[in-house]
Amino acid sequence: MKSRSSSNLPASLDRRLSAYALAAGAAGVSLAAVSVPAEARIVYTPAHQTLSNRIPFPLDLNHDGITDFSLFYSSYSHFFGVSVTIKGKNQVAGYCQGPLGYCWASAIPARVRVGQNQRLGPFSLMLAGRYFSSRTSGGPWKNVHNRYLGLKFFIKGKVHYGWARLTVAVHSPLLTVTLTGYAYETIPNKPIITGKTKGPDVITLEPATLGRLAQGASGISA
């Protein structure tokens, strides 16, 4: 028989899951309601975070207290843009296009595998435009709903893949950029499928899980 591969979750995530179980016990909830699936490999965090103008939003994919990427949008009197700030050796799925060599972070649809098959690099620009006279704008993230940033980052020196899901709307002279969730694969070098948030290999971390457990409800779903 083939042995199943194992993966170690970050200590901070282990502590959070342990806290969920303790809270469940205190609330009289069955431990089976918060048990982690034996084959869980993907950690998914739902979100509904609207970005603020010129204030970077830190993205910590694996909840270890270290910012892996920052999401940023700016809107001035004449120009606007959306970008992702890349920390350290981390990378983003993207491409370069056009005679001027503009490089963009890809707006990936759901059910696409992110891994070594993707072109990954320092692709930070997502959307750019100007208000001035023509009010032109362009880029793969212009007016998209639930598209995915493909992400490569490092945990203890090992490569991991993840994604962040965003919705972007351009309505001059303003932008609305909303982060609706993010996830990462706990097994090093294993690709992740964009938008996969259900199944026996997925742990879902809800920000308000402990509060709901105190009321006798489980906040972890598989």
Protein backbone atom coordinates (compact mmCIF):
# COMPACT_ATOMS: atom_id res chain seq x y z
CA MET A 1 0.00 0.00 0.00
CA LYS A 2 1.15 3.53 -0.71
CA SER A 3 1.65 5.63 2.37
CA ARG A 4 -0.22 8.89 2.54
CA SER A 5 1.87 12.04 2.36
CA SER A 6 1.91 14.17 5.48
CA SER A 7 2.07 17.91 5.99
CA ASN A 8 2.62 20.04 9.06
CA LEU A 9 0.33 23.01 9.57
CA PRO A 10 1.93 26.19 10.94
CA ALA A 11 2.05 26.27 14.73
CA SER A 12 -0.22 29.33 14.82
CA LEU A 13 -2.87 27.47 12.80
CA ASP A 14 -2.56 24.41 15.04
CA ARG A 15 -3.17 26.68 18.03
CA ARG A 16 -6.24 28.20 16.41
CA LEU A 17 -7.73 24.79 15.66
CA SER A 18 -7.01 23.66 19.21
CA ALA A 19 -8.73 26.79 20.50
CA TYR A 20 -11.78 25.96 18.40
CA ALA A 21 -11.94 22.49 19.92
CA LEU A 22 -11.60 23.89 23.47
CA ALA A 23 -14.30 26.47 22.83
CA ALA A 24 -16.55 23.75 21.45
CA GLY A 25 -16.04 21.67 24.56
CA ALA A 26 -16.85 24.62 26.79
CA ALA A 27 -20.01 25.27 24.80
CA GLY A 28 -21.05 21.61 24.90
CA VAL A 29 -20.52 21.09 21.17
CA SER A 30 -19.42 17.68 19.96
CA LEU A 31 -15.73 17.55 19.03
CA ALA A 32 -16.78 15.77 15.86
CA ALA A 33 -18.38 19.05 14.78
CA VAL A 34 -14.98 20.76 14.69
CA SER A 35 -12.68 17.87 13.81
CA VAL A 36 -10.15 18.47 11.06
CA PRO A 37 -10.52 16.07 8.11
CA ALA A 38 -7.69 13.53 8.00
CA GLU A 39 -6.84 14.50 4.42
CA ALA A 40 -7.16 18.28 4.88
CA ARG A 41 -4.52 20.04 2.81
CA ILE A 42 -6.02 23.41 1.78
CA VAL A 43 -6.68 26.23 4.25
CA TYR A 44 -9.37 28.63 3.04
CA THR A 45 -10.24 31.94 4.72
CA PRO A 46 -13.45 33.71 3.62
CA ALA A 47 -13.34 37.49 3.64
CA HIS A 48 -15.32 40.57 2.72
CA GLN A 49 -12.74 43.33 2.95
CA THR A 50 -13.14 46.52 0.92
CA LEU A 51 -9.78 48.18 0.38
CA SER A 52 -9.28 51.79 1.44
CA ASN A 53 -7.72 54.31 -0.91
CA ARG A 54 -3.91 54.46 -0.53
CA ILE A 55 -3.89 52.13 2.48
CA PRO A 56 -2.17 48.76 1.79
CA PHE A 57 -4.06 45.69 2.98
CA PRO A 58 -1.71 42.99 4.36
CA LEU A 59 -2.39 39.46 3.14
CA ASP A 60 -1.15 36.70 5.47
CA LEU A 61 -2.09 33.51 3.63
CA ASN A 62 -1.10 30.99 6.30
CA HIS A 63 -1.92 33.04 9.42
CA ASP A 64 1.62 32.99 10.80
CA GLY A 65 1.72 36.73 11.48
CA ILE A 66 3.92 37.46 8.45
CA THR A 67 2.57 39.54 5.55
CA ASP A 68 3.10 37.59 2.32
CA PHE A 69 1.61 40.15 -0.07
CA SER A 70 -0.12 43.54 0.23
CA LEU A 71 -3.09 44.64 -1.86
CA PHE A 72 -3.09 48.31 -2.78
CA TYR A 73 -5.20 50.74 -4.74
CA SER A 74 -4.79 54.46 -5.23
CA SER A 75 -7.03 57.11 -6.69
CA TYR A 76 -5.75 60.65 -7.23
CA SER A 77 -7.16 63.62 -9.10
CA HIS A 78 -5.84 62.38 -12.45
CA PHE A 79 -4.63 58.79 -12.10
CA PHE A 80 -5.70 55.56 -10.44
CA GLY A 81 -4.46 52.00 -10.18
CA VAL A 82 -4.64 48.65 -8.40
CA SER A 83 -1.57 46.57 -7.60
CA VAL A 84 -0.20 43.83 -5.40
CA THR A 85 2.98 44.43 -3.41
CA ILE A 86 5.22 41.36 -3.36
CA LYS A 87 7.18 40.54 -0.24
CA GLY A 88 10.65 38.98 -0.39
CA LYS A 89 11.04 36.20 -2.97
CA ASN A 90 7.30 35.62 -3.34
CA GLN A 91 5.76 35.72 -6.81
CA VAL A 92 2.48 36.32 -8.63
CA ALA A 93 1.05 34.66 -11.75
CA GLY A 94 1.11 37.12 -14.64
CA TYR A 95 2.30 38.05 -18.10
CA CYS A 96 3.87 40.84 -20.15
CA GLN A 97 2.06 42.25 -23.16
CA GLY A 98 2.22 45.06 -25.69
CA PRO A 99 4.99 47.08 -27.37
CA LEU A 100 5.68 49.02 -24.16
CA GLY A 101 6.22 45.82 -22.22
CA TYR A 102 3.50 46.32 -19.62
CA CYS A 103 3.44 43.42 -17.17
CA TRP A 104 0.21 42.47 -15.42
CA ALA A 105 -0.89 40.20 -12.61
CA SER A 106 -3.33 37.74 -14.18
CA ALA A 107 -7.05 37.80 -13.31
CA ILE A 108 -7.48 34.03 -13.23
CA PRO A 109 -10.95 32.43 -13.45
CA ALA A 110 -12.10 29.67 -11.11
CA ARG A 111 -11.01 26.03 -11.48
CA VAL A 112 -7.52 26.82 -12.79
CA ARG A 113 -4.48 25.05 -11.37
CA VAL A 114 -1.86 27.42 -9.93
CA GLY A 115 1.62 25.94 -9.67
CA GLN A 116 4.71 25.35 -11.72
CA ASN A 117 2.59 25.41 -14.90
CA GLN A 118 1.89 29.14 -14.36
CA ARG A 119 4.23 31.93 -15.36
CA LEU A 120 5.21 33.41 -12.00
CA GLY A 121 7.26 36.49 -11.26
CA PRO A 122 7.19 40.07 -9.91
CA PHE A 123 3.92 40.93 -11.70
CA SER A 124 2.47 43.64 -9.50
CA LEU A 125 0.25 45.82 -11.75
CA MET A 126 -3.43 44.84 -11.93
CA LEU A 127 -5.27 47.90 -13.25
CA ALA A 128 -4.19 51.36 -14.38
CA GLY A 129 -5.96 54.39 -15.76
CA ARG A 130 -6.40 58.13 -15.73
CA TYR A 131 -9.32 60.46 -15.20
CA PHE A 132 -7.95 63.61 -16.86
CA SER A 133 -9.66 64.24 -20.24
CA SER A 134 -10.05 60.77 -21.75
CA ARG A 135 -10.82 58.79 -18.56
CA THR A 136 -9.13 55.73 -20.02
CA SER A 137 -8.38 52.58 -18.06
CA GLY A 138 -7.20 49.07 -18.76
CA GLY A 139 -5.71 45.91 -17.39
CA PRO A 140 -6.96 42.38 -16.69
CA TRP A 141 -8.61 43.46 -13.42
CA LYS A 142 -10.91 46.10 -14.89
CA ASN A 143 -14.52 45.42 -13.82
CA VAL A 144 -14.14 41.77 -12.80
CA HIS A 145 -16.16 39.68 -10.36
CA ASN A 146 -14.51 36.96 -8.27
CA ARG A 147 -11.25 36.59 -10.15
CA TYR A 148 -8.10 35.12 -8.61
CA LEU A 149 -4.54 36.20 -8.02
CA GLY A 150 -2.28 33.18 -8.34
CA LEU A 151 0.34 33.32 -5.59
CA LYS A 152 3.62 31.63 -4.77
CA PHE A 153 5.14 32.13 -1.33
CA PHE A 154 7.46 30.46 1.14
CA ILE A 155 6.96 28.74 4.48
CA LYS A 156 10.20 27.85 6.26
CA GLY A 157 12.05 28.05 2.94
CA LYS A 158 9.64 25.77 1.04
CA VAL A 159 7.44 26.81 -1.88
CA HIS A 160 3.67 26.90 -1.37
CA TYR A 161 0.91 28.01 -3.73
CA GLY A 162 -2.21 30.00 -2.96
CA TRP A 163 -4.77 32.41 -4.31
CA ALA A 164 -6.66 35.56 -3.37
CA ARG A 165 -10.14 36.24 -4.76
CA LEU A 166 -11.12 39.82 -5.60
CA THR A 167 -13.88 41.82 -7.22
CA VAL A 168 -12.93 45.16 -8.82
CA ALA A 169 -15.30 47.84 -10.12
CA VAL A 170 -14.29 51.03 -11.92
CA HIS A 171 -16.80 53.86 -11.58
CA SER A 172 -15.00 57.14 -12.27
CA PRO A 173 -13.73 58.89 -10.34
CA LEU A 174 -13.71 56.05 -7.81
CA LEU A 175 -12.74 52.39 -7.52
CA THR A 176 -14.16 49.61 -5.41
CA VAL A 177 -11.75 46.74 -4.67
CA THR A 178 -13.06 43.91 -2.47
CA LEU A 179 -11.16 40.88 -1.18
CA THR A 180 -13.64 38.00 -0.85
CA GLY A 181 -11.39 35.17 0.27
CA TYR A 182 -7.97 33.53 0.08
CA ALA A 183 -6.44 30.09 0.42
CA TYR A 184 -3.15 28.18 0.34
CA GLU A 185 -1.95 24.62 -0.10
CA THR A 186 -0.19 23.20 2.97
CA ILE A 187 1.84 20.65 1.01
CA PRO A 188 5.03 22.22 -0.43
CA ASN A 189 5.22 22.48 -4.24
CA LYS A 190 1.68 21.11 -4.70
CA PRO A 191 -0.52 23.15 -7.08
CA ILE A 192 -3.79 24.65 -5.84
CA ILE A 193 -7.04 25.05 -7.77
CA THR A 194 -8.51 28.54 -7.79
CA GLY A 195 -11.89 28.78 -6.09
CA LYS A 196 -11.77 25.37 -4.43
CA THR A 197 -13.39 25.97 -1.04
CA LYS A 198 -15.27 22.72 -0.42
CA GLY A 199 -14.32 19.08 0.01
CA PRO A 200 -12.64 16.69 2.47
CA ASP A 201 -9.25 18.27 1.76
CA VAL A 202 -10.31 21.81 2.75
CA ILE A 203 -10.29 23.54 6.14
CA THR A 204 -12.37 26.74 6.29
CA LEU A 205 -11.37 29.31 8.88
CA GLU A 206 -14.11 31.78 9.72
CA PRO A 207 -13.01 35.01 11.49
CA ALA A 208 -15.92 34.72 13.95
CA THR A 209 -15.61 30.99 14.58
CA LEU A 210 -14.93 31.23 18.32
CA GLY A 211 -17.89 33.53 18.86
CA ARG A 212 -20.24 31.14 17.10
CA LEU A 213 -18.83 28.16 19.00
CA ALA A 214 -19.59 29.93 22.27
CA GLN A 215 -23.19 29.98 21.07
CA GLY A 216 -23.08 26.26 20.36
CA ALA A 217 -22.39 26.27 16.62
CA SER A 218 -19.45 25.00 14.61
CA GLY A 219 -17.44 27.48 12.55
CA ILE A 220 -15.26 24.99 10.68
CA SER A 221 -16.61 23.43 7.51
CA ALA A 222 -15.07 20.94 5.16
